[in-house]
Amino acid sequence: MTLHFRDIVAPAVDARRFRMFIDGAWVNASDGAVNERRSPAHDVPVTLVPRGTAADADRAVAAARAAFDDGRWSGLSGEARARVLLDAARIVRERLEEIALVETLETGKPITQSRGEVGGAAGIFEYAAGQARALHGDSFNNLGDEMLGLVTREPIGVVGVITPWNFPFFILCERVPFILAAGCTVVVKPSELTSASTLLLADVLAAAGLPAGVFNVVTGPGAVVGRRLAEHDDVDMISFTGSTDVGRGTLAASAGNMKKVGLELGGKNPQVVFADADLDAAADGVVFGLVFNAGQCCVSGSRLVVERSIADAFAARVVEKIGRLRIGDPLDEATQVGAIVDERQHTRILALIDEGKRDGARLLCGGEAFETSRGRFIQPTVFAGADRGMSIAQEEIFGPVLTILPFDGLADAIRIANDTCFGLAGSIWTSDLNKALKTMRGLKAGRVWINCTIAGGPELPIGGFKQSGTGRETGAYGVEEYTEIKSTHIALGERTRWVAP
């Protein structure tokens, strides 16, 4: 099979210098250190970002703490918060091309994908603005004539947000608008590989009228800045998105003040295909789920759980579609699949592919890196004949690698689909509604798609089962995630004395 690779052309851009955003001001790292980010597709410098320290994290937390405690944001009405969020959405749309270009240069994803994500992020701000006005508590008028019960929701306080490199702007915007809608203040630590779009959001929020200190960004290594946020006693909650291993470390580091922790972690997500599905649509969805963001996606459909009677024919259909993908320069408008984010990730993906070969899985396509003069690109890879215990069937590879696992009957499909430590997402392809719903009920996953994959907007919540995480983002649940619940009993009338007069 010949894969279509589109040549890489070095962009005519100078590396853009950024500073951190703390307490409404643009600042350098306390020691002046800077990280240079090179485009993973073009191998040229594209951004220069401060390499923050624990002291910088402390400054940002102090600013967020002061901003929360004095009520400059938490004390506003939902209507006032909503106005800022709507203005932020408008400005994001106005600056869409600027944000999308920075995102593509740092991540290596296709420019068309970056545009879609930035536009989608603006929509999340608009949705969260409505949630700011809809957030409410409850009342209990069933406690008798002499008692009224109230349940109120209050913002949890200072939230530390640690985001990954694969969707730096979109994942940030699946959290921040809801955090702000709840009335909290924020300190964000983006991935040191892809920090620029987070700093652009700080500029957007300031222009939208968000008060100083409410949104702060400290860039730098996770082992220093991220750990400090997780440990900090003045941080009331941590929202972490990343690998399950690092999530465990974040959970342990947060134990000092027993802060609340929200985790969206890894996945090894099944695409369950029944013989009665629209097989061409299913194959198209499987390929999209495999190569979207070059497979660097926590909800990537990396395991094809397919009915045995069609397994070989369906695999051939998937391989044929892969052969028609347009892979290469992410600044080319026609490109569908871009680069691998850095050398470390590139090496890890290839090592797991080699392990699959050594374990005896049968390679149907791909299996190698593209030979290019610039950047790091891996051929979409499909394995058949795999044992469910192989690393390619169990580990989150985070690259364009698909493992085919045949099943016999619905119960077997569910058993194989659930046969990992993860439970983030899954897709089901069938024309039988009864079968689809039974499979959906059986899947241990936080998100399920039926006859689609990696779809949807901010209306529904996201999150994982098992070792894929805790808590939920987006939807009405997303704003509630960043609140504390307080119960209040109000006595009415004269108190019956307990101590005799």
Protein backbone atom coordinates (compact mmCIF):
# COMPACT_ATOMS: atom_id res chain seq x y z
CA MET A 1 0.00 0.00 0.00
CA THR A 2 1.32 3.45 -0.92
CA LEU A 3 0.52 6.22 1.57
CA HIS A 4 0.15 9.76 0.28
CA PHE A 5 2.66 12.00 2.04
CA ARG A 6 2.57 15.73 1.41
CA ASP A 7 5.98 17.42 1.45
CA ILE A 8 7.02 19.68 4.33
CA VAL A 9 7.73 23.32 3.61
CA ALA A 10 9.36 25.34 6.37
CA PRO A 11 7.05 28.23 7.31
CA ALA A 12 8.34 31.79 7.05
CA VAL A 13 7.77 32.62 10.72
CA ASP A 14 9.96 34.01 13.47
CA ALA A 15 9.79 32.46 16.91
CA ARG A 16 7.16 34.36 18.89
CA ARG A 17 8.13 35.35 22.43
CA PHE A 18 5.59 35.01 25.25
CA ARG A 19 5.52 35.87 28.92
CA MET A 20 3.53 34.34 31.79
CA PHE A 21 0.35 35.99 33.08
CA ILE A 22 0.14 36.52 36.85
CA ASP A 23 -2.24 38.89 38.67
CA GLY A 24 -3.16 40.71 35.48
CA ALA A 25 0.46 41.35 34.40
CA TRP A 26 2.78 39.80 31.81
CA VAL A 27 5.92 38.56 33.57
CA ASN A 28 9.06 36.54 32.92
CA ALA A 29 10.11 33.53 34.97
CA SER A 30 11.64 34.52 38.31
CA ASP A 31 15.05 33.26 37.15
CA GLY A 32 14.66 34.48 33.56
CA ALA A 33 14.80 30.99 32.02
CA VAL A 34 13.10 30.39 28.66
CA ASN A 35 12.04 27.30 26.70
CA GLU A 36 12.31 27.24 22.91
CA ARG A 37 9.62 25.21 21.14
CA ARG A 38 10.36 23.90 17.67
CA SER A 39 7.56 22.88 15.32
CA PRO A 40 7.30 19.07 15.35
CA ALA A 41 6.39 19.15 11.67
CA HIS A 42 8.90 21.71 10.39
CA ASP A 43 11.86 21.57 12.84
CA VAL A 44 12.09 25.35 13.15
CA PRO A 45 11.71 27.49 16.33
CA VAL A 46 8.17 28.82 16.65
CA THR A 47 7.73 30.01 20.26
CA LEU A 48 9.80 31.14 23.23
CA VAL A 49 8.05 30.68 26.58
CA PRO A 50 9.21 31.30 30.18
CA ARG A 51 10.39 28.28 32.14
CA GLY A 52 8.56 28.97 35.37
CA THR A 53 9.60 27.95 38.88
CA ALA A 54 7.90 26.89 42.09
CA ALA A 55 8.24 30.50 43.24
CA ASP A 56 6.31 31.64 40.16
CA ALA A 57 3.58 29.11 40.98
CA ASP A 58 3.42 30.49 44.52
CA ARG A 59 2.98 34.04 43.17
CA ALA A 60 0.16 32.93 40.91
CA VAL A 61 -1.61 31.01 43.67
CA ALA A 62 -1.35 34.03 45.99
CA ALA A 63 -2.92 36.22 43.30
CA ALA A 64 -5.73 33.72 42.69
CA ARG A 65 -6.30 33.35 46.44
CA ALA A 66 -6.59 37.10 46.95
CA ALA A 67 -8.90 37.47 43.95
CA PHE A 68 -11.17 34.73 45.25
CA ASP A 69 -11.26 35.85 48.86
CA ASP A 70 -12.11 39.49 48.12
CA GLY A 71 -15.06 38.51 45.93
CA ARG A 72 -14.07 40.46 42.81
CA TRP A 73 -15.29 37.47 40.76
CA SER A 74 -16.92 35.03 43.18
CA GLY A 75 -19.14 37.83 44.48
CA LEU A 76 -20.56 38.73 41.09
CA SER A 77 -23.94 37.59 39.82
CA GLY A 78 -24.22 34.82 37.28
CA GLU A 79 -25.37 37.42 34.79
CA ALA A 80 -22.19 39.48 35.25
CA ARG A 81 -19.98 36.40 34.86
CA ALA A 82 -21.91 35.36 31.77
CA ARG A 83 -21.26 38.72 30.09
CA VAL A 84 -17.50 38.21 30.45
CA LEU A 85 -17.69 34.64 29.13
CA LEU A 86 -19.73 35.75 26.12
CA ASP A 87 -17.25 38.52 25.37
CA ALA A 88 -14.43 35.96 25.61
CA ALA A 89 -16.24 33.75 23.07
CA ARG A 90 -16.58 36.69 20.70
CA ILE A 91 -12.87 37.58 20.97
CA VAL A 92 -11.81 33.94 20.48
CA ARG A 93 -13.77 33.90 17.23
CA GLU A 94 -12.18 37.19 16.16
CA ARG A 95 -8.71 35.80 16.85
CA LEU A 96 -9.40 32.30 15.54
CA GLU A 97 -6.75 32.34 12.79
CA GLU A 98 -4.05 33.61 15.16
CA ILE A 99 -4.79 31.01 17.83
CA ALA A 100 -5.14 28.18 15.30
CA LEU A 101 -1.80 28.97 13.66
CA VAL A 102 0.04 28.97 17.00
CA GLU A 103 -1.69 25.70 17.90
CA THR A 104 -0.63 24.02 14.65
CA LEU A 105 2.95 25.27 14.85
CA GLU A 106 3.37 23.93 18.40
CA THR A 107 1.42 20.66 18.11
CA GLY A 108 1.93 19.62 14.49
CA LYS A 109 -1.80 19.03 13.93
CA PRO A 110 -3.45 20.06 10.64
CA ILE A 111 -4.46 23.72 10.46
CA THR A 112 -8.03 22.76 9.56
CA GLN A 113 -8.27 20.74 12.76
CA SER A 114 -6.88 23.62 14.83
CA ARG A 115 -9.45 25.99 13.36
CA GLY A 116 -12.24 23.57 14.24
CA GLU A 117 -11.01 23.23 17.80
CA VAL A 118 -10.70 26.99 18.35
CA GLY A 119 -14.19 27.54 16.95
CA GLY A 120 -15.50 24.76 19.16
CA ALA A 121 -13.82 26.33 22.18
CA ALA A 122 -15.67 29.58 21.54
CA GLY A 123 -18.91 27.60 21.57
CA ILE A 124 -17.99 26.13 24.95
CA PHE A 125 -17.60 29.63 26.39
CA GLU A 126 -21.07 30.48 25.07
CA TYR A 127 -22.56 27.36 26.63
CA ALA A 128 -20.82 27.98 29.96
CA ALA A 129 -22.19 31.52 30.02
CA GLY A 130 -25.67 30.02 30.17
CA GLN A 131 -24.58 27.68 32.95
CA ALA A 132 -23.32 30.66 34.97
CA ARG A 133 -26.88 31.97 35.03
CA ALA A 134 -28.52 28.56 35.51
CA LEU A 135 -26.41 27.36 38.46
CA HIS A 136 -28.67 26.91 41.47
CA GLY A 137 -29.23 25.00 44.68
CA ASP A 138 -32.35 23.43 46.16
CA SER A 139 -34.87 23.88 48.93
CA PHE A 140 -36.65 21.44 51.25
CA ASN A 141 -40.06 22.57 52.33
CA ASN A 142 -40.94 19.12 53.71
CA LEU A 143 -39.31 19.46 57.13
CA GLY A 144 -42.42 20.61 58.95
CA ASP A 145 -43.79 24.03 59.81
CA GLU A 146 -40.87 24.90 62.04
CA MET A 147 -37.96 24.16 59.70
CA LEU A 148 -36.86 25.13 56.19
CA GLY A 149 -33.93 23.45 54.46
CA LEU A 150 -31.69 25.08 51.84
CA VAL A 151 -28.95 23.55 49.72
CA THR A 152 -26.63 26.11 48.15
CA ARG A 153 -23.74 25.73 45.74
CA GLU A 154 -20.64 27.81 46.35
CA PRO A 155 -17.49 28.11 44.21
CA ILE A 156 -14.85 25.73 45.50
CA GLY A 157 -12.12 28.39 45.49
CA VAL A 158 -8.74 28.39 43.76
CA VAL A 159 -8.47 25.75 41.03
CA GLY A 160 -5.17 24.55 39.59
CA VAL A 161 -5.55 23.34 36.00
CA ILE A 162 -2.85 21.16 34.42
CA THR A 163 -3.38 20.56 30.71
CA PRO A 164 -1.72 18.24 28.14
CA TRP A 165 0.00 18.87 24.82
CA ASN A 166 -2.38 17.10 22.46
CA PHE A 167 -5.36 19.52 22.61
CA PRO A 168 -3.88 22.44 24.56
CA PHE A 169 -6.54 25.02 23.71
CA PHE A 170 -9.63 22.83 23.43
CA ILE A 171 -9.06 20.83 26.63
CA LEU A 172 -8.30 24.08 28.46
CA CYS A 173 -11.62 25.45 27.23
CA GLU A 174 -13.49 22.33 28.33
CA ARG A 175 -12.56 23.38 31.87
CA VAL A 176 -11.86 27.09 32.30
CA PRO A 177 -15.26 28.49 31.20
CA PHE A 178 -17.04 26.23 33.70
CA ILE A 179 -14.55 27.05 36.47
CA LEU A 180 -15.17 30.74 35.85
CA ALA A 181 -18.94 30.23 35.55
CA ALA A 182 -18.90 28.69 39.05
CA GLY A 183 -17.09 31.77 40.43
CA CYS A 184 -13.68 30.21 41.04
CA THR A 185 -10.26 31.63 40.32
CA VAL A 186 -7.65 29.77 38.29
CA VAL A 187 -3.97 28.98 37.93
CA VAL A 188 -3.17 27.10 34.71
CA LYS A 189 -0.02 25.08 34.03
CA PRO A 190 -0.02 24.12 30.33
CA SER A 191 2.30 21.53 28.84
CA GLU A 192 5.76 23.00 28.30
CA LEU A 193 5.52 21.71 24.70
CA THR A 194 2.37 23.66 23.83
CA SER A 195 1.97 26.70 26.10
CA ALA A 196 1.32 29.52 23.64
CA SER A 197 -2.42 29.14 23.06
CA THR A 198 -3.04 29.13 26.82
CA LEU A 199 -1.22 32.46 27.07
CA LEU A 200 -3.33 33.77 24.21
CA LEU A 201 -6.44 32.81 26.19
CA ALA A 202 -5.13 34.89 29.10
CA ASP A 203 -4.99 37.85 26.71
CA VAL A 204 -8.51 37.11 25.49
CA LEU A 205 -9.94 36.94 29.03
CA ALA A 206 -8.25 40.18 30.06
CA ALA A 207 -9.71 41.90 26.99
CA ALA A 208 -13.14 40.47 27.89
CA GLY A 209 -13.00 42.21 31.28
CA LEU A 210 -12.03 39.38 33.62
CA PRO A 211 -10.59 41.00 36.79
CA ALA A 212 -6.86 40.72 37.50
CA GLY A 213 -5.85 37.64 39.50
CA VAL A 214 -8.83 35.55 38.45
CA PHE A 215 -6.99 33.76 35.60
CA ASN A 216 -3.25 33.15 35.88
CA VAL A 217 -0.84 31.13 33.71
CA VAL A 218 2.50 29.72 34.87
CA THR A 219 4.48 27.93 32.16
CA GLY A 220 7.22 25.41 32.84
CA PRO A 221 7.90 21.75 33.64
CA GLY A 222 5.21 19.62 35.24
CA ALA A 223 7.65 18.15 37.74
CA VAL A 224 8.22 21.66 39.15
CA VAL A 225 5.21 23.88 38.47
CA GLY A 226 2.54 21.19 38.22
CA ARG A 227 3.72 19.44 41.35
CA ARG A 228 3.78 22.72 43.28
CA LEU A 229 0.17 23.41 42.34
CA ALA A 230 -0.87 19.88 43.35
CA GLU A 231 0.85 20.24 46.73
CA HIS A 232 -0.12 23.83 47.47
CA ASP A 233 -2.31 24.33 50.55
CA ASP A 234 -3.99 27.40 49.03
CA VAL A 235 -5.18 25.45 45.99
CA ASP A 236 -8.64 24.02 46.70
CA MET A 237 -8.93 21.76 43.65
CA ILE A 238 -6.73 20.32 40.92
CA SER A 239 -7.99 19.47 37.44
CA PHE A 240 -5.42 17.29 35.67
CA THR A 241 -5.58 15.91 32.14
CA GLY A 242 -2.84 13.55 31.02
CA SER A 243 -1.50 10.04 31.44
CA THR A 244 -2.74 7.66 34.12
CA ASP A 245 0.76 7.34 35.61
CA VAL A 246 1.17 11.10 36.06
CA GLY A 247 -2.41 11.30 37.30
CA ARG A 248 -1.52 8.92 40.12
CA GLY A 249 1.36 11.19 41.10
CA THR A 250 -0.91 14.24 41.01
CA LEU A 251 -3.43 12.46 43.24
CA ALA A 252 -0.71 11.59 45.77
CA ALA A 253 0.73 15.12 45.74
CA SER A 254 -2.72 16.59 46.45
CA ALA A 255 -3.18 14.69 49.70
CA GLY A 256 -1.60 17.35 51.93
CA ASN A 257 -4.71 19.53 52.24
CA MET A 258 -7.13 16.86 50.96
CA LYS A 259 -7.99 18.99 47.94
CA LYS A 260 -10.55 17.82 45.46
CA VAL A 261 -9.03 16.28 42.32
CA GLY A 262 -10.56 15.90 38.86
CA LEU A 263 -8.67 13.55 36.54
CA GLU A 264 -9.14 12.83 32.85
CA LEU A 265 -6.55 10.17 32.10
CA GLY A 266 -5.65 7.53 29.55
CA GLY A 267 -7.77 5.32 27.37
CA LYS A 268 -7.55 2.18 25.24
CA ASN A 269 -10.87 2.70 23.57
CA PRO A 270 -12.81 0.03 21.64
CA GLN A 271 -14.56 0.48 18.31
CA VAL A 272 -17.13 -2.33 18.41
CA VAL A 273 -18.28 -3.24 14.88
CA PHE A 274 -21.13 -5.72 14.34
CA ALA A 275 -21.70 -7.51 11.03
CA ASP A 276 -25.04 -5.72 10.51
CA ALA A 277 -23.46 -2.23 10.59
CA ASP A 278 -23.15 0.09 7.61
CA LEU A 279 -19.64 -1.24 7.03
CA ASP A 280 -18.40 1.59 4.83
CA ALA A 281 -19.52 4.20 7.38
CA ALA A 282 -18.04 2.10 10.18
CA ALA A 283 -14.69 1.76 8.37
CA ASP A 284 -14.60 5.50 7.78
CA GLY A 285 -15.30 6.09 11.49
CA VAL A 286 -12.64 3.59 12.55
CA VAL A 287 -10.03 5.31 10.39
CA PHE A 288 -11.03 8.74 11.71
CA GLY A 289 -10.88 7.47 15.30
CA LEU A 290 -7.46 5.97 14.62
CA VAL A 291 -5.69 8.91 12.95
CA PHE A 292 -7.46 11.97 14.38
CA ASN A 293 -4.65 14.15 15.76
CA ALA A 294 -2.23 11.46 14.52
CA GLY A 295 -3.69 9.10 17.13
CA GLN A 296 -2.49 11.41 19.92
CA CYS A 297 -5.95 11.51 21.47
CA CYS A 298 -7.14 10.05 24.77
CA VAL A 299 -10.44 8.94 23.18
CA SER A 300 -8.76 7.51 20.08
CA GLY A 301 -10.38 4.28 18.90
CA SER A 302 -7.25 2.17 19.12
CA ARG A 303 -8.86 -1.29 19.45
CA LEU A 304 -11.10 -2.61 16.66
CA VAL A 305 -13.41 -5.17 18.28
CA VAL A 306 -15.08 -6.65 15.21
CA GLU A 307 -17.47 -9.55 14.63
CA ARG A 308 -15.42 -12.53 13.48
CA SER A 309 -17.56 -13.28 10.41
CA ILE A 310 -16.55 -9.97 8.81
CA ALA A 311 -13.17 -9.37 10.48
CA ASP A 312 -10.92 -10.00 7.47
CA ALA A 313 -13.09 -8.18 4.93
CA PHE A 314 -13.60 -5.24 7.28
CA ALA A 315 -9.87 -5.01 8.00
CA ALA A 316 -9.22 -4.86 4.26
CA ARG A 317 -11.75 -2.03 3.97
CA VAL A 318 -10.02 -0.09 6.78
CA VAL A 319 -6.58 -0.57 5.21
CA GLU A 320 -7.86 0.61 1.83
CA LYS A 321 -9.23 3.81 3.38
CA ILE A 322 -5.97 4.43 5.23
CA GLY A 323 -4.20 4.28 1.87
CA ARG A 324 -6.19 7.31 0.69
CA LEU A 325 -5.34 9.56 3.66
CA ARG A 326 -3.48 12.81 3.06
CA ILE A 327 -0.58 12.94 5.53
CA GLY A 328 2.15 15.55 5.95
CA ASP A 329 2.59 19.31 6.23
CA PRO A 330 -0.01 20.54 8.75
CA LEU A 331 -0.08 24.00 7.14
CA ASP A 332 -1.31 22.45 3.89
CA GLU A 333 -5.10 22.92 3.79
CA ALA A 334 -5.57 19.42 2.34
CA THR A 335 -3.64 17.57 5.06
CA GLN A 336 -5.67 15.22 7.26
CA VAL A 337 -2.90 13.76 9.47
CA GLY A 338 -0.01 15.76 10.90
CA ALA A 339 3.10 15.21 12.96
CA ILE A 340 4.02 13.41 16.18
CA VAL A 341 4.52 15.97 18.93
CA ASP A 342 8.17 15.30 19.85
CA GLU A 343 11.04 12.85 19.56
CA ARG A 344 10.23 11.13 22.85
CA GLN A 345 6.68 10.34 21.78
CA HIS A 346 7.85 9.33 18.30
CA THR A 347 10.36 6.87 19.77
CA ARG A 348 7.80 5.41 22.17
CA ILE A 349 5.22 4.76 19.43
CA LEU A 350 7.78 3.04 17.21
CA ALA A 351 9.02 0.94 20.14
CA LEU A 352 5.49 -0.32 20.84
CA ILE A 353 4.98 -1.07 17.14
CA ASP A 354 8.22 -3.10 17.17
CA GLU A 355 7.02 -4.90 20.30
CA GLY A 356 3.80 -5.85 18.51
CA LYS A 357 5.83 -7.32 15.66
CA ARG A 358 8.06 -9.28 18.06
CA ASP A 359 5.01 -10.58 19.95
CA GLY A 360 3.74 -12.14 16.72
CA ALA A 361 0.92 -9.81 15.70
CA ARG A 362 0.38 -9.63 11.93
CA LEU A 363 1.12 -6.25 10.37
CA LEU A 364 -1.52 -5.26 7.79
CA CYS A 365 -0.17 -1.79 6.98
CA GLY A 366 2.21 0.87 8.24
CA GLY A 367 4.60 -0.07 10.99
CA GLU A 368 7.26 2.53 10.25
CA ALA A 369 8.07 6.22 10.37
CA PHE A 370 7.96 8.22 7.15
CA GLU A 371 11.37 9.11 5.76
CA THR A 372 11.24 12.91 5.65
CA SER A 373 13.69 15.78 5.56
CA ARG A 374 11.78 17.58 8.30
CA GLY A 375 9.55 16.60 11.22
CA ARG A 376 8.35 13.32 12.70
CA PHE A 377 5.53 11.39 11.04
CA ILE A 378 4.42 7.79 11.62
CA GLN A 379 2.52 5.66 9.12
CA PRO A 380 -0.97 4.65 10.31
CA THR A 381 -0.47 1.08 11.49
CA VAL A 382 -2.91 -1.84 11.72
CA PHE A 383 -2.23 -5.15 13.48
CA ALA A 384 -4.30 -8.33 13.19
CA GLY A 385 -3.80 -11.67 14.90
CA ALA A 386 -3.08 -10.04 18.24
CA ASP A 387 -3.51 -11.68 21.61
CA ARG A 388 -5.47 -9.60 24.11
CA GLY A 389 -2.53 -9.72 26.50
CA MET A 390 -0.10 -8.06 24.08
CA SER A 391 1.11 -4.55 24.87
CA ILE A 392 -0.39 -3.24 21.62
CA ALA A 393 -3.80 -4.46 22.88
CA GLN A 394 -3.46 -3.12 26.43
CA GLU A 395 -1.21 -0.05 26.55
CA GLU A 396 -2.24 3.43 25.50
CA ILE A 397 0.13 3.95 22.58
CA PHE A 398 -1.00 7.52 21.83
CA GLY A 399 -0.21 7.19 18.17
CA PRO A 400 -1.89 5.95 14.95
CA VAL A 401 -1.80 2.24 15.85
CA LEU A 402 -4.88 -0.02 15.65
CA THR A 403 -5.18 -3.56 17.02
CA ILE A 404 -7.89 -5.86 15.62
CA LEU A 405 -9.62 -8.20 18.10
CA PRO A 406 -12.42 -10.45 16.68
CA PHE A 407 -15.45 -11.41 18.77
CA ASP A 408 -18.18 -14.07 18.70
CA GLY A 409 -21.53 -12.72 19.91
CA LEU A 410 -22.63 -9.71 21.91
CA ALA A 411 -21.44 -10.93 25.32
CA ASP A 412 -17.99 -11.66 23.90
CA ALA A 413 -17.87 -8.19 22.31
CA ILE A 414 -18.60 -6.52 25.65
CA ARG A 415 -16.09 -8.72 27.48
CA ILE A 416 -13.28 -7.87 25.04
CA ALA A 417 -14.23 -4.17 24.94
CA ASN A 418 -13.96 -3.97 28.74
CA ASP A 419 -10.76 -6.01 28.94
CA THR A 420 -8.40 -3.16 29.92
CA CYS A 421 -7.73 -1.09 33.01
CA PHE A 422 -9.16 1.93 31.18
CA GLY A 423 -12.72 3.12 30.71
CA LEU A 424 -12.68 6.44 28.92
CA ALA A 425 -14.71 5.99 25.73
CA GLY A 426 -16.04 3.52 23.19
CA SER A 427 -17.88 3.42 19.86
CA ILE A 428 -20.52 0.96 18.67
CA TRP A 429 -21.42 0.34 15.02
CA THR A 430 -24.64 -1.58 14.29
CA SER A 431 -28.01 -1.13 12.57
CA ASP A 432 -29.78 -2.96 15.43
CA LEU A 433 -30.93 -0.46 18.09
CA ASN A 434 -31.55 -3.19 20.65
CA LYS A 435 -28.01 -4.52 20.18
CA ALA A 436 -26.58 -1.00 20.31
CA LEU A 437 -28.27 -0.19 23.62
CA LYS A 438 -27.34 -3.51 25.22
CA THR A 439 -23.71 -2.96 24.23
CA MET A 440 -23.81 0.64 25.46
CA ARG A 441 -25.11 -0.51 28.83
CA GLY A 442 -22.38 -3.13 29.04
CA LEU A 443 -19.43 -0.86 28.21
CA LYS A 444 -17.51 0.46 31.20
CA ALA A 445 -16.75 3.87 29.75
CA GLY A 446 -17.57 7.49 30.48
CA ARG A 447 -18.44 8.32 26.86
CA VAL A 448 -20.08 6.07 24.29
CA TRP A 449 -20.82 6.84 20.64
CA ILE A 450 -23.27 4.84 18.54
CA ASN A 451 -22.69 4.92 14.77
CA CYS A 452 -20.28 7.83 15.22
CA THR A 453 -17.03 8.51 17.05
CA ILE A 454 -15.27 11.45 18.73
CA ALA A 455 -18.39 13.55 18.29
CA GLY A 456 -20.48 15.95 20.35
CA GLY A 457 -20.37 19.32 22.06
CA PRO A 458 -20.36 20.84 25.54
CA GLU A 459 -23.92 19.84 26.40
CA LEU A 460 -22.98 16.34 27.63
CA PRO A 461 -20.40 15.56 30.34
CA ILE A 462 -17.03 13.92 29.71
CA GLY A 463 -14.90 11.76 31.99
CA GLY A 464 -13.76 8.22 32.63
CA PHE A 465 -14.47 4.99 34.46
CA LYS A 466 -11.81 2.81 36.13
CA GLN A 467 -8.24 4.11 35.66
CA SER A 468 -9.35 6.67 33.10
CA GLY A 469 -10.13 9.23 35.75
CA THR A 470 -12.50 10.79 38.25
CA GLY A 471 -15.00 13.63 38.03
CA ARG A 472 -16.80 15.10 35.03
CA GLU A 473 -16.22 18.11 32.79
CA THR A 474 -18.63 20.08 30.57
CA GLY A 475 -22.42 20.06 30.62
CA ALA A 476 -24.31 21.11 33.73
CA TYR A 477 -22.12 18.61 35.58
CA GLY A 478 -19.05 20.56 34.48
CA VAL A 479 -19.96 23.71 36.39
CA GLU A 480 -21.20 21.72 39.40
CA GLU A 481 -17.80 19.97 39.52
CA TYR A 482 -16.23 23.24 40.68
CA THR A 483 -18.68 23.93 43.51
CA GLU A 484 -19.09 22.90 47.11
CA ILE A 485 -22.54 21.99 48.43
CA LYS A 486 -23.71 23.56 51.69
CA SER A 487 -26.79 22.43 53.62
CA THR A 488 -28.57 24.96 55.84
CA HIS A 489 -31.39 24.34 58.33
CA ILE A 490 -33.44 27.41 59.22
CA ALA A 491 -35.59 27.21 62.34
CA LEU A 492 -38.92 29.01 62.17
CA GLY A 493 -40.92 30.10 65.19
CA GLU A 494 -40.16 29.72 68.87
CA ARG A 495 -37.54 27.16 69.94
CA THR A 496 -38.64 24.35 72.25
CA ARG A 497 -36.23 24.66 75.18
CA TRP A 498 -33.95 21.67 75.79
CA VAL A 499 -32.71 22.98 79.16
CA ALA A 500 -35.54 23.31 81.65
CA PRO A 501 -36.18 26.92 82.85
